[in-house]
Amino acid sequence: MATYSSRTSAANTYTEQAFDLKGLDGISDGQIAEHLQLYAGYVKQVNLLNQELAAMLGRGQASGKSPAFAELTRRLGFEYNGMILHQYYFSNLRSAAEPQPPSTSGLAGALIQSFGSVEQWQADFRAIGGIRGVGWVILFQDPATGRLTNHWITLHQDGVPAGFKPLLVMDVWEHAFMRDYKATERTQYIEAFFRNIDWAMVERRLQDTGVGHPAG
């Protein structure tokens, strides 16, 4: 949950969301605990960066020619997206999950319309997850057309299609799985991810017409 105030007087402040993710299949409680600690670090960094940028603005030091101001501003995009994408990721996981969305759901219908079948979508999503590098795989909806597409996001902020709505978010940085799997076993982690998807949450995101942070 975020509280907002004008940057000219005080920095925006964010608080950590809580997630109950015990008992996942193939993703250990210890892995989740470590991952949540990393997420907390992103929240802390976003708050620190906003405070420093607000202070620089208040001191009249906000300038595109200032290396410090430029670096902090660029860094904010990385830290902020790291915070938000982790919130999407954790909130689209649950224990005792179904292997696929219900065949009568709006999500299944949208996947079939966009990919031909749920299986074709899943094959594409998994294939993107195997791309070399660190980043995320995200199922997005284009609000203008309703079409669903899968995307690779490098780091946290490179490759995000502007204005698209995230529906399903998978973290494929090594920190997401290396307590449970080797660096070369990302495929096994992806298999585990698919055994723990909260399809009801993904459906709610699809049906949600508002704009805001992911529901926790």
C-alpha atoms as a PDB file:
ATOM      1  CA  MET A   1       0.000   0.000   0.000  1.00  0.00           C
ATOM      2  CA  ALA A   2       1.435   3.400  -0.864  1.00  0.00           C
ATOM      3  CA  THR A   3       0.888   6.817   0.614  1.00  0.00           C
ATOM      4  CA  TYR A   4       1.622   9.824  -1.550  1.00  0.00           C
ATOM      5  CA  SER A   5       2.702  13.389  -0.962  1.00  0.00           C
ATOM      6  CA  SER A   6       4.167  16.082  -3.148  1.00  0.00           C
ATOM      7  CA  ARG A   7       7.831  15.587  -3.944  1.00  0.00           C
ATOM      8  CA  THR A   8       8.384  19.269  -3.265  1.00  0.00           C
ATOM      9  CA  SER A   9       7.591  18.795   0.438  1.00  0.00           C
ATOM     10  CA  ALA A  10       8.132  15.104   1.221  1.00  0.00           C
ATOM     11  CA  ALA A  11       9.057  11.936  -0.589  1.00  0.00           C
ATOM     12  CA  ASN A  12       6.579   9.215  -1.554  1.00  0.00           C
ATOM     13  CA  THR A  13       6.666   6.392   0.984  1.00  0.00           C
ATOM     14  CA  TYR A  14       5.960   2.726   0.274  1.00  0.00           C
ATOM     15  CA  THR A  15       5.461  -0.117   2.721  1.00  0.00           C
ATOM     16  CA  GLU A  16       6.101  -3.811   2.210  1.00  0.00           C
ATOM     17  CA  GLN A  17       3.170  -6.026   1.324  1.00  0.00           C
ATOM     18  CA  ALA A  18       2.711  -9.254   3.278  1.00  0.00           C
ATOM     19  CA  PHE A  19       2.419 -12.598   1.487  1.00  0.00           C
ATOM     20  CA  ASP A  20       1.472 -15.991   2.958  1.00  0.00           C
ATOM     21  CA  LEU A  21       3.184 -18.465   0.644  1.00  0.00           C
ATOM     22  CA  LYS A  22       3.975 -21.448   2.828  1.00  0.00           C
ATOM     23  CA  GLY A  23       3.652 -24.918   1.372  1.00  0.00           C
ATOM     24  CA  LEU A  24       4.292 -24.226  -2.311  1.00  0.00           C
ATOM     25  CA  ASP A  25       5.064 -27.237  -4.511  1.00  0.00           C
ATOM     26  CA  GLY A  26       8.720 -27.209  -5.560  1.00  0.00           C
ATOM     27  CA  ILE A  27       9.479 -23.726  -4.181  1.00  0.00           C
ATOM     28  CA  SER A  28      10.579 -24.090  -0.581  1.00  0.00           C
ATOM     29  CA  ASP A  29       9.558 -21.918   2.343  1.00  0.00           C
ATOM     30  CA  GLY A  30      13.236 -21.036   2.761  1.00  0.00           C
ATOM     31  CA  GLN A  31      13.479 -19.891  -0.855  1.00  0.00           C
ATOM     32  CA  ILE A  32      10.416 -17.694  -0.424  1.00  0.00           C
ATOM     33  CA  ALA A  33      11.746 -16.240   2.840  1.00  0.00           C
ATOM     34  CA  GLU A  34      15.036 -15.240   1.191  1.00  0.00           C
ATOM     35  CA  HIS A  35      13.190 -13.828  -1.804  1.00  0.00           C
ATOM     36  CA  LEU A  36      10.915 -11.747   0.420  1.00  0.00           C
ATOM     37  CA  GLN A  37      13.972 -10.280   2.140  1.00  0.00           C
ATOM     38  CA  LEU A  38      15.299  -9.211  -1.249  1.00  0.00           C
ATOM     39  CA  TYR A  39      11.913  -7.662  -2.092  1.00  0.00           C
ATOM     40  CA  ALA A  40      12.052  -5.713   1.183  1.00  0.00           C
ATOM     41  CA  GLY A  41      15.353  -4.274   0.013  1.00  0.00           C
ATOM     42  CA  TYR A  42      13.711  -2.880  -3.103  1.00  0.00           C
ATOM     43  CA  VAL A  43      11.027  -1.177  -1.018  1.00  0.00           C
ATOM     44  CA  LYS A  44      13.723   0.360   1.182  1.00  0.00           C
ATOM     45  CA  GLN A  45      15.744   1.563  -1.795  1.00  0.00           C
ATOM     46  CA  VAL A  46      12.717   3.151  -3.477  1.00  0.00           C
ATOM     47  CA  ASN A  47      11.964   5.117  -0.324  1.00  0.00           C
ATOM     48  CA  LEU A  48      15.595   6.201   0.077  1.00  0.00           C
ATOM     49  CA  LEU A  49      15.847   7.313  -3.553  1.00  0.00           C
ATOM     50  CA  ASN A  50      12.599   9.266  -3.372  1.00  0.00           C
ATOM     51  CA  GLN A  51      13.800  10.987  -0.205  1.00  0.00           C
ATOM     52  CA  GLU A  52      17.143  11.939  -1.747  1.00  0.00           C
ATOM     53  CA  LEU A  53      15.570  13.168  -4.980  1.00  0.00           C
ATOM     54  CA  ALA A  54      13.047  15.219  -3.003  1.00  0.00           C
ATOM     55  CA  ALA A  55      15.883  16.715  -0.968  1.00  0.00           C
ATOM     56  CA  MET A  56      17.841  17.593  -4.109  1.00  0.00           C
ATOM     57  CA  LEU A  57      14.784  19.260  -5.582  1.00  0.00           C
ATOM     58  CA  GLY A  58      14.245  21.213  -2.379  1.00  0.00           C
ATOM     59  CA  ARG A  59      17.874  22.375  -2.431  1.00  0.00           C
ATOM     60  CA  GLY A  60      17.596  23.502  -6.033  1.00  0.00           C
ATOM     61  CA  GLN A  61      19.960  20.736  -7.189  1.00  0.00           C
ATOM     62  CA  ALA A  62      17.592  19.013  -9.630  1.00  0.00           C
ATOM     63  CA  SER A  63      19.439  19.321 -12.930  1.00  0.00           C
ATOM     64  CA  GLY A  64      19.870  17.067 -15.921  1.00  0.00           C
ATOM     65  CA  LYS A  65      23.516  18.145 -15.975  1.00  0.00           C
ATOM     66  CA  SER A  66      24.082  16.833 -12.437  1.00  0.00           C
ATOM     67  CA  PRO A  67      25.637  13.336 -12.541  1.00  0.00           C
ATOM     68  CA  ALA A  68      24.241  12.566  -9.070  1.00  0.00           C
ATOM     69  CA  PHE A  69      20.706  13.644  -9.948  1.00  0.00           C
ATOM     70  CA  ALA A  70      20.809  11.739 -13.250  1.00  0.00           C
ATOM     71  CA  GLU A  71      22.106   8.538 -11.661  1.00  0.00           C
ATOM     72  CA  LEU A  72      19.574   8.598  -8.820  1.00  0.00           C
ATOM     73  CA  THR A  73      16.723   9.232 -11.284  1.00  0.00           C
ATOM     74  CA  ARG A  74      17.795   6.335 -13.512  1.00  0.00           C
ATOM     75  CA  ARG A  75      18.272   4.086 -10.505  1.00  0.00           C
ATOM     76  CA  LEU A  76      14.755   4.818  -9.290  1.00  0.00           C
ATOM     77  CA  GLY A  77      13.245   3.104 -12.351  1.00  0.00           C
ATOM     78  CA  PHE A  78      15.234  -0.064 -11.633  1.00  0.00           C
ATOM     79  CA  GLU A  79      14.398  -0.166  -7.928  1.00  0.00           C
ATOM     80  CA  TYR A  80      10.740   0.812  -8.383  1.00  0.00           C
ATOM     81  CA  ASN A  81      10.051  -1.818 -11.027  1.00  0.00           C
ATOM     82  CA  GLY A  82      11.915  -4.360  -8.891  1.00  0.00           C
ATOM     83  CA  MET A  83       9.541  -3.572  -6.034  1.00  0.00           C
ATOM     84  CA  ILE A  84       6.342  -3.682  -8.099  1.00  0.00           C
ATOM     85  CA  LEU A  85       7.214  -6.767 -10.163  1.00  0.00           C
ATOM     86  CA  HIS A  86       7.978  -8.714  -6.999  1.00  0.00           C
ATOM     87  CA  GLN A  87       4.556  -7.751  -5.663  1.00  0.00           C
ATOM     88  CA  TYR A  88       2.947  -9.069  -8.839  1.00  0.00           C
ATOM     89  CA  TYR A  89       5.053 -12.240  -8.653  1.00  0.00           C
ATOM     90  CA  PHE A  90       4.338 -13.130  -5.041  1.00  0.00           C
ATOM     91  CA  SER A  91       0.638 -12.341  -5.343  1.00  0.00           C
ATOM     92  CA  ASN A  92       0.185 -14.647  -8.350  1.00  0.00           C
ATOM     93  CA  LEU A  93       1.466 -17.663  -6.379  1.00  0.00           C
ATOM     94  CA  ARG A  94      -0.518 -19.978  -4.101  1.00  0.00           C
ATOM     95  CA  SER A  95      -0.296 -23.481  -2.702  1.00  0.00           C
ATOM     96  CA  ALA A  96      -2.552 -26.308  -3.904  1.00  0.00           C
ATOM     97  CA  ALA A  97      -2.997 -24.596  -7.262  1.00  0.00           C
ATOM     98  CA  GLU A  98      -4.653 -25.996 -10.371  1.00  0.00           C
ATOM     99  CA  PRO A  99      -2.407 -26.804 -13.381  1.00  0.00           C
ATOM    100  CA  GLN A 100      -4.343 -24.537 -15.762  1.00  0.00           C
ATOM    101  CA  PRO A 101      -7.007 -21.825 -15.602  1.00  0.00           C
ATOM    102  CA  PRO A 102     -10.608 -23.119 -15.626  1.00  0.00           C
ATOM    103  CA  SER A 103     -11.673 -23.846 -19.192  1.00  0.00           C
ATOM    104  CA  THR A 104     -14.758 -21.628 -18.789  1.00  0.00           C
ATOM    105  CA  SER A 105     -12.829 -18.640 -17.393  1.00  0.00           C
ATOM    106  CA  GLY A 106     -12.359 -15.345 -19.151  1.00  0.00           C
ATOM    107  CA  LEU A 107      -8.602 -15.902 -18.951  1.00  0.00           C
ATOM    108  CA  ALA A 108      -8.764 -19.218 -20.790  1.00  0.00           C
ATOM    109  CA  GLY A 109     -10.929 -17.620 -23.471  1.00  0.00           C
ATOM    110  CA  ALA A 110      -8.522 -14.697 -23.865  1.00  0.00           C
ATOM    111  CA  LEU A 111      -5.526 -17.046 -24.106  1.00  0.00           C
ATOM    112  CA  ILE A 112      -7.256 -19.135 -26.757  1.00  0.00           C
ATOM    113  CA  GLN A 113      -8.179 -16.023 -28.730  1.00  0.00           C
ATOM    114  CA  SER A 114      -4.632 -14.669 -28.590  1.00  0.00           C
ATOM    115  CA  PHE A 115      -2.562 -17.868 -28.877  1.00  0.00           C
ATOM    116  CA  GLY A 116      -4.877 -20.510 -30.327  1.00  0.00           C
ATOM    117  CA  SER A 117      -4.931 -22.596 -27.142  1.00  0.00           C
ATOM    118  CA  VAL A 118      -3.901 -22.452 -23.502  1.00  0.00           C
ATOM    119  CA  GLU A 119      -1.211 -25.032 -24.290  1.00  0.00           C
ATOM    120  CA  GLN A 120       0.236 -22.856 -27.080  1.00  0.00           C
ATOM    121  CA  TRP A 121       0.367 -19.882 -24.726  1.00  0.00           C
ATOM    122  CA  GLN A 122       2.085 -21.953 -22.051  1.00  0.00           C
ATOM    123  CA  ALA A 123       4.657 -23.282 -24.525  1.00  0.00           C
ATOM    124  CA  ASP A 124       5.495 -19.727 -25.581  1.00  0.00           C
ATOM    125  CA  PHE A 125       5.700 -18.469 -21.973  1.00  0.00           C
ATOM    126  CA  ARG A 126       7.988 -21.342 -20.981  1.00  0.00           C
ATOM    127  CA  ALA A 127      10.202 -20.813 -24.030  1.00  0.00           C
ATOM    128  CA  ILE A 128      10.677 -17.146 -23.144  1.00  0.00           C
ATOM    129  CA  GLY A 129      11.581 -18.230 -19.614  1.00  0.00           C
ATOM    130  CA  GLY A 130      14.516 -20.152 -21.097  1.00  0.00           C
ATOM    131  CA  ILE A 131      16.101 -17.050 -22.642  1.00  0.00           C
ATOM    132  CA  ARG A 132      19.648 -16.503 -21.396  1.00  0.00           C
ATOM    133  CA  GLY A 133      20.006 -13.563 -19.048  1.00  0.00           C
ATOM    134  CA  VAL A 134      18.341 -12.218 -15.929  1.00  0.00           C
ATOM    135  CA  GLY A 135      14.871 -10.778 -15.921  1.00  0.00           C
ATOM    136  CA  TRP A 136      11.190 -11.616 -15.977  1.00  0.00           C
ATOM    137  CA  VAL A 137       8.579 -13.275 -18.174  1.00  0.00           C
ATOM    138  CA  ILE A 138       5.265 -11.429 -18.142  1.00  0.00           C
ATOM    139  CA  LEU A 139       1.904 -12.127 -19.716  1.00  0.00           C
ATOM    140  CA  PHE A 140       0.486  -8.705 -20.615  1.00  0.00           C
ATOM    141  CA  GLN A 141      -2.829  -7.466 -21.932  1.00  0.00           C
ATOM    142  CA  ASP A 142      -2.946  -4.599 -24.392  1.00  0.00           C
ATOM    143  CA  PRO A 143      -5.861  -2.511 -23.046  1.00  0.00           C
ATOM    144  CA  ALA A 144      -6.462  -0.988 -26.480  1.00  0.00           C
ATOM    145  CA  THR A 145      -7.094  -4.315 -28.227  1.00  0.00           C
ATOM    146  CA  GLY A 146      -7.580  -6.835 -25.400  1.00  0.00           C
ATOM    147  CA  ARG A 147      -4.873  -9.016 -26.963  1.00  0.00           C
ATOM    148  CA  LEU A 148      -2.595 -11.004 -24.648  1.00  0.00           C
ATOM    149  CA  THR A 149       1.141 -11.265 -25.335  1.00  0.00           C
ATOM    150  CA  ASN A 150       4.171 -12.696 -23.533  1.00  0.00           C
ATOM    151  CA  HIS A 151       7.247 -10.538 -23.034  1.00  0.00           C
ATOM    152  CA  TRP A 152      10.813 -10.840 -21.753  1.00  0.00           C
ATOM    153  CA  ILE A 153      11.829  -8.007 -19.419  1.00  0.00           C
ATOM    154  CA  THR A 154      15.572  -7.522 -18.918  1.00  0.00           C
ATOM    155  CA  LEU A 155      16.569  -6.574 -15.358  1.00  0.00           C
ATOM    156  CA  HIS A 156      13.331  -4.979 -14.116  1.00  0.00           C
ATOM    157  CA  GLN A 157      12.693  -2.086 -16.460  1.00  0.00           C
ATOM    158  CA  ASP A 158      13.940  -2.856 -19.985  1.00  0.00           C
ATOM    159  CA  GLY A 159      11.312  -4.071 -22.430  1.00  0.00           C
ATOM    160  CA  VAL A 160       8.124  -3.217 -20.529  1.00  0.00           C
ATOM    161  CA  PRO A 161       5.467  -2.283 -23.131  1.00  0.00           C
ATOM    162  CA  ALA A 162       4.106   1.112 -22.104  1.00  0.00           C
ATOM    163  CA  GLY A 163       0.481   1.032 -20.996  1.00  0.00           C
ATOM    164  CA  PHE A 164       0.138  -2.769 -21.074  1.00  0.00           C
ATOM    165  CA  LYS A 165      -1.393  -4.521 -18.049  1.00  0.00           C
ATOM    166  CA  PRO A 166       0.602  -7.309 -16.317  1.00  0.00           C
ATOM    167  CA  LEU A 167      -1.487 -10.440 -15.763  1.00  0.00           C
ATOM    168  CA  LEU A 168       1.031 -13.145 -14.848  1.00  0.00           C
ATOM    169  CA  VAL A 169       4.582 -12.407 -13.698  1.00  0.00           C
ATOM    170  CA  MET A 170       7.413 -14.934 -13.387  1.00  0.00           C
ATOM    171  CA  ASP A 171      10.760 -13.984 -11.868  1.00  0.00           C
ATOM    172  CA  VAL A 172      13.657 -15.758 -13.606  1.00  0.00           C
ATOM    173  CA  TRP A 173      16.527 -14.029 -11.847  1.00  0.00           C
ATOM    174  CA  GLU A 174      18.686 -16.704 -10.205  1.00  0.00           C
ATOM    175  CA  HIS A 175      17.751 -15.366  -6.759  1.00  0.00           C
ATOM    176  CA  ALA A 176      14.210 -16.673  -7.377  1.00  0.00           C
ATOM    177  CA  PHE A 177      15.297 -20.319  -7.397  1.00  0.00           C
ATOM    178  CA  MET A 178      18.946 -20.973  -6.528  1.00  0.00           C
ATOM    179  CA  ARG A 179      18.260 -22.100  -2.959  1.00  0.00           C
ATOM    180  CA  ASP A 180      16.190 -24.949  -4.422  1.00  0.00           C
ATOM    181  CA  TYR A 181      17.811 -25.498  -7.829  1.00  0.00           C
ATOM    182  CA  LYS A 182      21.184 -25.138  -9.522  1.00  0.00           C
ATOM    183  CA  ALA A 183      21.823 -22.237 -11.900  1.00  0.00           C
ATOM    184  CA  THR A 184      21.480 -24.731 -14.759  1.00  0.00           C
ATOM    185  CA  GLU A 185      18.104 -25.999 -13.498  1.00  0.00           C
ATOM    186  CA  ARG A 186      15.936 -23.028 -14.388  1.00  0.00           C
ATOM    187  CA  THR A 187      13.636 -25.327 -16.373  1.00  0.00           C
ATOM    188  CA  GLN A 188      12.814 -27.255 -13.182  1.00  0.00           C
ATOM    189  CA  TYR A 189      12.024 -23.995 -11.414  1.00  0.00           C
ATOM    190  CA  ILE A 190       9.700 -22.985 -14.262  1.00  0.00           C
ATOM    191  CA  GLU A 191       7.925 -26.326 -13.903  1.00  0.00           C
ATOM    192  CA  ALA A 192       7.484 -25.596 -10.186  1.00  0.00           C
ATOM    193  CA  PHE A 193       6.243 -22.086 -10.921  1.00  0.00           C
ATOM    194  CA  PHE A 194       3.467 -23.501 -13.098  1.00  0.00           C
ATOM    195  CA  ARG A 195       2.390 -25.814 -10.277  1.00  0.00           C
ATOM    196  CA  ASN A 196       1.788 -22.803  -8.018  1.00  0.00           C
ATOM    197  CA  ILE A 197      -0.041 -20.217 -10.135  1.00  0.00           C
ATOM    198  CA  ASP A 198      -3.037 -18.513  -8.547  1.00  0.00           C
ATOM    199  CA  TRP A 199      -5.277 -18.495 -11.620  1.00  0.00           C
ATOM    200  CA  ALA A 200      -8.041 -16.670  -9.746  1.00  0.00           C
ATOM    201  CA  MET A 201      -5.626 -13.777  -9.172  1.00  0.00           C
ATOM    202  CA  VAL A 202      -4.659 -13.719 -12.848  1.00  0.00           C
ATOM    203  CA  GLU A 203      -8.354 -13.691 -13.759  1.00  0.00           C
ATOM    204  CA  ARG A 204      -8.977 -10.746 -11.409  1.00  0.00           C
ATOM    205  CA  ARG A 205      -6.174  -8.813 -13.040  1.00  0.00           C
ATOM    206  CA  LEU A 206      -7.654  -9.530 -16.458  1.00  0.00           C
ATOM    207  CA  GLN A 207     -11.101  -8.314 -15.393  1.00  0.00           C
ATOM    208  CA  ASP A 208      -9.809  -5.297 -13.448  1.00  0.00           C
ATOM    209  CA  THR A 209     -10.401  -2.093 -15.421  1.00  0.00           C
ATOM    210  CA  GLY A 210      -8.695   0.136 -12.871  1.00  0.00           C
ATOM    211  CA  VAL A 211      -5.094   1.264 -12.781  1.00  0.00           C
ATOM    212  CA  GLY A 212      -2.957   0.605  -9.728  1.00  0.00           C
ATOM    213  CA  HIS A 213      -0.607  -1.701  -7.924  1.00  0.00           C
ATOM    214  CA  PRO A 214      -1.106  -5.477  -7.858  1.00  0.00           C
ATOM    215  CA  ALA A 215      -3.515  -6.814  -5.319  1.00  0.00           C
ATOM    216  CA  GLY A 216      -1.811  -8.722  -2.528  1.00  0.00           C
END
